[in-house]
């Protein structure tokens, strides 16, 4: 069930927070429009130096794409919610977008956050390795041999698997050799998942591990068809009994939960812009807007920093 939230409402605090968040969303999207798609590694910057060490597996390519993913999802969130007059809040549809903002922002931050260059290089190479591992698995699954396959299909799939295996072996070897040349020991399983990754950047965001990783777990869970998670985090309204021992109920988004998820996405993206801008010599990449009103005192997740 889609809710339409108007400037007034029964859930006063959550409503006030949501209206403030919409102002921040519009401001961030306008900021992205102004900065465009800049070169995030200016000559002489630390990130440009990282690129020299990681080439041809450039750190800035990974970071730029991660920021782009987060920015696109943030922009789509605004398109979904803003109907010109009121605020549109779907029961579930926001959460996959906000999860994408959180994860894209987190990856960009994690890649460039360490002060130690070799640690940044290690993270870049392990991220490249993870991409390779996941791409390999996708090809293997897509080329699964079925009992109904004819001779031509079997031949095509076998050829695909052989060529993919050769390519993956060669790419893994390139990554290992590059790591050895620059003095980095790779974890051959690739980079950590988003849970440990968010835990690692919690100090950069300036919040506790429980807040940073915990919110991601909640938002991530709401992107899956989990009835228990949805019921625990949504508003459920019981209707009239049906007369047969059952009761009809409707489920809609809980505004406090929506506040929490949007706060996490906004703060994650803000942190990513600041961290990448500082490492890449692009302080103008950081978002700020002195014209915004003071944020309502409703959720600590934003941290109002």
Foldseek 3Di string as FASTA:
>chain_A
DKDWAACDDDVHQLSQQVVLLLVLLVQVLVLCVVCPQDQLADPPFLLVVLQVLQPPLRLSVLLSVLLVQLSVLSVVLSVQQCPPGTGMAFLQVNLVSLLSLLQSLLLNCLLQVDPDSLSNSQQSLLQVLQVLVVVLVVLCVVLDDDPPDDPVSVVVSVVSNVVSVVVSVVVVVVSCVSCVVSVHDHDNNGDDDPLVSQCVCCVLLPHHSCLRSVLSVLSVVSNDPDPVSSVVQWDKAWDDAPPPPDTDIDTGGDSVNVSSSSLSSSSSSQSSQCSSCNRNVNNSSHDDDPPRDQRRPDDCSNVSD
